[in-house]
C-alpha cells in the first residue's frame, strides 16, 4: 500500500469514473486500474462496484476511502510543516470563496498580492457554504472565505470585515422613490433572490422575516447577483447587493442603490481554516492584504448595523 494508491481511489470516488480519475491523476487508465486492483488484492476486498454506472464504492470501500482521505491529509501536513518552518511561500494554497464575495473582493487585492509574491501559488475556487465546509473538513482546501462563523468544532474562524446589504431597485418600483428601505416596503412578488443554498439569500430572508419567497423567479433559479442586477436595470423589481459591489458601479447604476433603515443588515466575512491548520505565513499575508483592501470602516461592526 502506498500514497499513490490512496490518491487513485480518492480520485475514482470523486469522479465515479476510472477514465476521468486517471486523467485527473495524469496517468493512463490501465495504470490506475492496475494499482487499485493491487490494493484490493492486498486488502482482500473490493473497493468499488464496477458493475454500477457510475462506479460506486462498496460498503467496505467507503470506510477505506474515508480513512485514506485522513491519511493523505495528515501526509500533506508534513510538507506544510517544513514550508512553515522555512517560512517559504512555495506550494499550492487552495482557497474557497463564496460566489457572493469573490467578484467584489478578489479584484481589490489578488493581482497586487500575486505581483508582490510571485512564489505564491494560490488556487481560488468559488463554492457555496455547505460544500466549502465539507471541503475544509476533508482537507480538500486549505482555507475559505465565508459569510458567517463556522459552527463545526474542527474549524476556526477569524473575522476579516463586516459588509452591509443594500437594495438595488428598478426605477419603476415604488421603493425607488424612498431614500431608505424598510422591510415592510419589500414585496416578494417583485424580489429577485439567489437560489437555495446561498447564505446570502438565507441571511436576507431572516432579516426581512420571509419564511419563503414565491417562485416568481423560477426560470432564474441558477441566477447570479449580476444577472439580477441586469434585470433590475431593465426596469424589473428589486434585488440585494453586498457593500463592496457598489464600488464597481457606474454613477448611473449607483442611482439604483438604496440603503436599509437602521438597523442595517450586515454580514460578517470570515477567514476559516481547520484547527490543525499550519500554513500561517501565507494566511497572514492574505489576511493582511484583504483587510488593507477594504474601506477602514468595514473592519469593525458599527452600532447601527445588525448581523444577520
Protein backbone atom coordinates (compact mmCIF):
# COMPACT_ATOMS: atom_id res chain seq x y z
CA UNK A 1 0.00 0.00 0.00
CA UNK A 2 1.32 3.44 -0.88
CA UNK A 3 0.26 7.08 -1.02
CA UNK A 4 -0.22 6.93 -4.79
CA UNK A 5 -2.77 4.14 -4.50
CA UNK A 6 -4.71 6.11 -1.91
CA UNK A 7 -4.74 9.13 -4.23
CA UNK A 8 -6.10 6.95 -7.02
CA UNK A 9 -9.02 5.56 -5.01
CA UNK A 10 -9.96 9.07 -3.85
CA UNK A 11 -9.95 10.21 -7.47
CA UNK A 12 -12.23 7.36 -8.53
CA UNK A 13 -14.52 8.15 -5.60
CA UNK A 14 -14.67 11.81 -6.66
CA UNK A 15 -15.24 11.25 -10.39
CA UNK A 16 -17.05 7.88 -10.14
CA UNK A 17 -15.34 7.03 -13.43
CA UNK A 18 -11.98 5.29 -13.93
CA UNK A 19 -11.03 7.12 -17.13
CA UNK A 20 -11.81 10.57 -15.68
CA UNK A 21 -9.96 9.69 -12.47
CA UNK A 22 -6.92 8.60 -14.50
CA UNK A 23 -6.99 11.83 -16.48
CA UNK A 24 -7.14 13.82 -13.25
CA UNK A 25 -4.18 11.87 -11.83
CA UNK A 26 -2.30 12.23 -15.13
CA UNK A 27 -1.82 8.51 -15.63
CA UNK A 28 -3.25 6.04 -18.11
CA UNK A 29 -6.44 4.23 -17.18
CA UNK A 30 -4.75 0.79 -17.25
CA UNK A 31 -2.11 2.05 -14.82
CA UNK A 32 -4.68 3.46 -12.42
CA UNK A 33 -6.87 0.35 -12.64
CA UNK A 34 -3.89 -1.95 -12.07
CA UNK A 35 -2.75 0.00 -8.99
CA UNK A 36 -6.24 -0.07 -7.48
CA UNK A 37 -6.53 -3.79 -8.27
CA UNK A 38 -3.24 -4.43 -6.44
CA UNK A 39 -4.55 -2.53 -3.42
CA UNK A 40 -7.78 -4.55 -3.47
CA UNK A 41 -5.77 -7.78 -3.67
CA UNK A 42 -3.60 -6.68 -0.75
CA UNK A 43 -6.63 -5.80 1.37
CA UNK A 44 -8.65 -8.79 0.24
CA UNK A 45 -11.76 -6.73 -0.56
CA UNK A 46 -13.37 -4.93 -3.48
CA UNK A 47 -13.25 -1.17 -3.05
CA UNK A 48 -15.56 -0.34 -5.98
CA UNK A 49 -18.57 -1.96 -7.57
CA UNK A 50 -17.59 -1.85 -11.24
CA UNK A 51 -20.93 -3.25 -12.39
CA UNK A 52 -22.67 0.01 -11.50
CA UNK A 53 -22.66 3.13 -13.65
CA UNK A 54 -21.39 5.41 -12.39
CA UNK A 55 -18.91 3.35 -10.38
CA UNK A 56 -19.62 3.38 -6.64
CA UNK A 57 -17.63 2.34 -3.57
CA UNK A 58 -18.64 -0.84 -1.83
CA UNK A 59 -19.67 -0.54 1.85
CA UNK A 60 -16.16 -1.60 2.90
CA UNK A 61 -14.69 0.64 0.22
CA UNK A 62 -16.40 3.71 1.70
CA UNK A 63 -14.69 3.08 5.04
CA UNK A 64 -11.30 2.60 3.38
CA UNK A 65 -11.75 5.75 1.29
CA UNK A 66 -12.61 7.81 4.36
CA UNK A 67 -9.51 6.58 6.14
CA UNK A 68 -7.43 7.20 3.01
CA UNK A 69 -8.65 10.78 2.96
CA UNK A 70 -7.46 11.24 6.55
CA UNK A 71 -4.10 9.62 5.80
CA UNK A 72 -3.47 11.84 2.76
CA UNK A 73 -4.40 14.96 4.69
CA UNK A 74 -2.04 14.08 7.53
CA UNK A 75 0.70 13.31 4.98
CA UNK A 76 0.18 16.71 3.35
CA UNK A 77 0.79 18.36 6.72
CA UNK A 78 4.39 17.11 6.67
CA UNK A 79 5.21 19.35 3.70
CA UNK A 80 3.25 22.18 5.31
CA UNK A 81 5.31 21.86 8.50
CA UNK A 82 8.56 22.07 6.54
CA UNK A 83 7.36 25.04 4.46
CA UNK A 84 6.17 26.85 7.58
CA UNK A 85 9.43 26.23 9.42
CA UNK A 86 11.32 27.71 6.47
CA UNK A 87 8.66 30.42 6.08
CA UNK A 88 8.58 29.65 2.38
CA UNK A 89 5.62 30.63 0.23
CA UNK A 90 6.08 27.73 -2.16
CA UNK A 91 3.44 25.07 -2.63
CA UNK A 92 -0.18 25.25 -3.72
CA UNK A 93 -2.60 27.05 -1.41
CA UNK A 94 -6.25 26.24 -2.13
CA UNK A 95 -8.72 28.96 -1.13
CA UNK A 96 -12.52 28.71 -1.49
CA UNK A 97 -14.56 31.92 -1.65
CA UNK A 98 -18.33 32.33 -1.70
CA UNK A 99 -19.76 33.37 -5.10
CA UNK A 100 -21.34 36.42 -3.44
CA UNK A 101 -17.94 37.56 -2.12
CA UNK A 102 -15.39 36.61 -4.79
CA UNK A 103 -16.34 39.01 -7.65
CA UNK A 104 -16.20 42.05 -5.38
CA UNK A 105 -13.33 41.19 -3.02
CA UNK A 106 -10.77 39.40 -5.20
CA UNK A 107 -10.20 42.27 -7.68
CA UNK A 108 -9.30 44.53 -4.76
CA UNK A 109 -6.20 42.56 -3.68
CA UNK A 110 -5.43 39.45 -5.73
CA UNK A 111 -3.45 40.98 -8.58
CA UNK A 112 -1.31 43.08 -6.23
CA UNK A 113 -0.50 40.13 -3.98
CA UNK A 114 0.39 37.97 -6.99
CA UNK A 115 2.84 40.60 -8.22
CA UNK A 116 4.34 41.14 -4.77
CA UNK A 117 4.69 37.41 -4.00
CA UNK A 118 5.20 35.59 -7.32
CA UNK A 119 6.20 32.38 -5.48
CA UNK A 120 2.71 32.03 -4.02
CA UNK A 121 0.57 29.54 -5.94
CA UNK A 122 -2.94 30.41 -4.79
CA UNK A 123 -5.77 28.43 -6.36
CA UNK A 124 -9.13 30.18 -6.00
CA UNK A 125 -12.43 28.34 -6.33
CA UNK A 126 -15.96 29.67 -5.88
CA UNK A 127 -18.11 27.41 -3.69
CA UNK A 128 -21.31 27.71 -1.67
CA UNK A 129 -21.10 27.41 2.10
CA UNK A 130 -22.09 23.74 2.55
CA UNK A 131 -19.62 22.25 0.05
CA UNK A 132 -16.97 24.65 1.35
CA UNK A 133 -17.33 23.31 4.88
CA UNK A 134 -17.20 19.75 3.59
CA UNK A 135 -14.06 20.51 1.54
CA UNK A 136 -12.36 22.04 4.57
CA UNK A 137 -13.20 19.11 6.82
CA UNK A 138 -11.98 16.65 4.17
CA UNK A 139 -8.72 18.53 3.65
CA UNK A 140 -9.55 19.30 0.01
CA UNK A 141 -8.89 23.03 0.52
CA UNK A 142 -6.64 24.95 2.88
CA UNK A 143 -8.85 27.89 3.80
CA UNK A 144 -12.13 29.58 2.94
CA UNK A 145 -13.76 32.99 3.00
CA UNK A 146 -17.41 32.71 4.01
CA UNK A 147 -20.15 34.90 5.44
CA UNK A 148 -20.55 33.59 9.00
CA UNK A 149 -18.59 31.97 11.78
CA UNK A 150 -18.22 28.19 11.38
CA UNK A 151 -20.22 26.01 13.73
CA UNK A 152 -18.15 22.84 13.18
CA UNK A 153 -15.93 22.04 16.18
CA UNK A 154 -12.97 21.17 13.93
CA UNK A 155 -12.95 24.60 12.29
CA UNK A 156 -11.97 28.08 13.43
CA UNK A 157 -12.87 31.48 12.04
CA UNK A 158 -11.23 34.91 12.10
CA UNK A 159 -13.23 37.99 11.16
CA UNK A 160 -11.98 39.84 8.08
CA UNK A 161 -14.56 42.62 7.81
CA UNK A 162 -18.26 43.47 8.08
CA UNK A 163 -20.35 44.16 4.99
CA UNK A 164 -23.77 45.79 4.73
CA UNK A 165 -26.51 44.71 2.37
CA UNK A 166 -28.02 47.30 0.02
CA UNK A 167 -31.10 47.29 -2.15
CA UNK A 168 -30.77 47.56 -5.92
CA UNK A 169 -34.09 48.95 -7.11
CA UNK A 170 -35.65 49.42 -10.56
CA UNK A 171 -36.80 52.98 -11.29
CA UNK A 172 -40.33 51.67 -11.88
CA UNK A 173 -40.58 50.12 -8.41
CA UNK A 174 -42.30 52.14 -5.63
CA UNK A 175 -39.28 51.59 -3.36
CA UNK A 176 -37.14 53.62 -5.77
CA UNK A 177 -38.86 56.79 -4.55
CA UNK A 178 -37.79 56.12 -0.96
CA UNK A 179 -34.42 57.16 0.48
CA UNK A 180 -34.27 54.18 2.84
CA UNK A 181 -35.57 50.63 2.57
CA UNK A 182 -37.67 49.17 5.35
CA UNK A 183 -38.56 45.50 5.43
CA UNK A 184 -42.26 46.40 5.24
CA UNK A 185 -41.56 48.02 1.85
CA UNK A 186 -40.36 44.78 0.28
CA UNK A 187 -42.81 42.64 -1.66
CA UNK A 188 -41.55 39.21 -2.57
CA UNK A 189 -43.55 39.43 -5.80
CA UNK A 190 -41.00 41.95 -7.05
CA UNK A 191 -37.92 40.42 -5.45
CA UNK A 192 -35.03 38.63 -7.15
CA UNK A 193 -33.09 36.32 -4.81
CA UNK A 194 -30.43 33.68 -5.30
CA UNK A 195 -31.49 30.05 -5.23
CA UNK A 196 -31.48 28.00 -2.05
CA UNK A 197 -28.08 27.04 -0.70
CA UNK A 198 -26.69 30.58 -0.77
CA UNK A 199 -26.25 32.01 2.73
CA UNK A 200 -26.68 35.46 1.12
CA UNK A 201 -30.30 34.51 0.42
CA UNK A 202 -30.86 32.90 3.83
CA UNK A 203 -29.50 35.90 5.74
CA UNK A 204 -31.72 38.37 3.88
CA UNK A 205 -34.82 36.21 4.25
CA UNK A 206 -34.26 36.05 8.00
CA UNK A 207 -33.77 39.79 8.23
CA UNK A 208 -36.84 40.54 6.11
CA UNK A 209 -38.81 37.93 8.09
CA UNK A 210 -39.76 35.99 4.97
CA UNK A 211 -40.39 32.31 5.54
CA UNK A 212 -40.38 31.65 1.83
CA UNK A 213 -40.28 33.53 -1.43
CA UNK A 214 -42.79 32.96 -4.21
CA UNK A 215 -41.42 31.17 -7.25
CA UNK A 216 -41.65 34.21 -9.47
CA UNK A 217 -38.02 33.77 -10.46
CA UNK A 218 -38.33 30.04 -11.20
CA UNK A 219 -36.63 30.41 -14.56
CA UNK A 220 -33.68 32.11 -12.84
CA UNK A 221 -33.09 29.68 -10.01
CA UNK A 222 -29.45 29.42 -11.06
CA UNK A 223 -29.11 33.16 -11.50
CA UNK A 224 -26.25 35.24 -10.12
CA UNK A 225 -26.25 38.63 -8.44
CA UNK A 226 -25.03 40.14 -11.70
CA UNK A 227 -27.95 38.57 -13.59
CA UNK A 228 -30.45 40.02 -11.15
CA UNK A 229 -28.80 43.44 -11.32
CA UNK A 230 -29.28 43.43 -15.08
CA UNK A 231 -32.97 42.53 -14.54
CA UNK A 232 -33.36 45.49 -12.20
CA UNK A 233 -31.61 47.83 -14.64
CA UNK A 234 -34.08 46.76 -17.31
CA UNK A 235 -36.88 48.02 -15.04
CA UNK A 236 -37.86 44.85 -13.25
CA UNK A 237 -38.12 44.59 -9.44
CA UNK A 238 -35.60 44.62 -6.59
CA UNK A 239 -32.52 42.62 -5.68
CA UNK A 240 -29.87 42.98 -2.98
CA UNK A 241 -26.14 43.53 -3.34
CA UNK A 242 -23.19 43.49 -0.92
CA UNK A 243 -21.44 46.71 0.02
CA UNK A 244 -18.25 46.07 -1.96
CA UNK A 245 -20.28 45.66 -5.15
CA UNK A 246 -21.17 49.36 -5.04
CA UNK A 247 -17.56 50.36 -5.71
CA UNK A 248 -17.76 48.66 -9.11
CA UNK A 249 -20.89 50.53 -10.23
CA UNK A 250 -21.14 53.45 -12.60
CA UNK A 251 -22.80 56.67 -11.42
CA UNK A 252 -25.96 55.70 -13.30
CA UNK A 253 -26.03 52.31 -11.57
CA UNK A 254 -25.40 53.89 -8.17
CA UNK A 255 -28.67 55.81 -8.61
CA UNK A 256 -30.45 52.46 -8.20
CA UNK A 257 -28.81 51.71 -4.83
CA UNK A 258 -30.88 52.20 -1.68
CA UNK A 259 -29.57 51.65 1.88
CA UNK A 260 -31.63 49.97 4.57
CA UNK A 261 -33.04 51.88 7.50
CA UNK A 262 -31.43 51.27 10.90
CA UNK A 263 -30.67 48.58 11.95
CA UNK A 264 -28.83 47.92 8.71
CA UNK A 265 -28.48 44.23 7.79
CA UNK A 266 -24.80 43.27 7.81
CA UNK A 267 -22.86 40.08 7.25
CA UNK A 268 -19.60 39.02 8.89
CA UNK A 269 -16.95 37.98 6.37
CA UNK A 270 -14.79 35.29 7.94
CA UNK A 271 -11.50 33.52 7.17
CA UNK A 272 -11.98 29.83 8.06
CA UNK A 273 -9.46 27.01 8.47
CA UNK A 274 -9.20 23.71 10.26
CA UNK A 275 -7.89 23.96 13.82
CA UNK A 276 -4.83 21.92 12.83
CA UNK A 277 -4.02 24.44 10.06
CA UNK A 278 -0.28 25.03 9.72
CA UNK A 279 0.40 27.46 6.87
CA UNK A 280 0.15 30.63 8.94
CA UNK A 281 2.75 32.56 6.95
CA UNK A 282 0.69 32.51 3.74
CA UNK A 283 -2.53 33.02 5.68
CA UNK A 284 -1.09 36.07 7.41
CA UNK A 285 -0.10 37.66 4.09
CA UNK A 286 -3.54 37.03 2.59
CA UNK A 287 -5.47 38.25 5.63
CA UNK A 288 -3.40 41.43 5.89
CA UNK A 289 -3.85 42.12 2.17
CA UNK A 290 -7.61 41.60 2.39
CA UNK A 291 -8.01 43.91 5.38
CA UNK A 292 -5.97 46.62 3.70
CA UNK A 293 -8.05 46.34 0.54
CA UNK A 294 -11.43 47.15 2.10
CA UNK A 295 -12.56 50.54 3.47
CA UNK A 296 -11.43 51.01 7.08
CA UNK A 297 -14.97 51.50 8.36
CA UNK A 298 -15.76 47.92 7.30
CA UNK A 299 -13.21 46.45 9.71
CA UNK A 300 -15.46 46.95 12.75
CA UNK A 301 -19.15 46.35 13.37
CA UNK A 302 -20.95 49.68 13.71
CA UNK A 303 -23.65 50.40 16.31
CA UNK A 304 -26.27 50.94 13.59
CA UNK A 305 -25.56 47.58 11.95
CA UNK A 306 -27.21 44.25 12.73
CA UNK A 307 -25.58 40.93 11.97
CA UNK A 308 -27.86 38.59 10.02
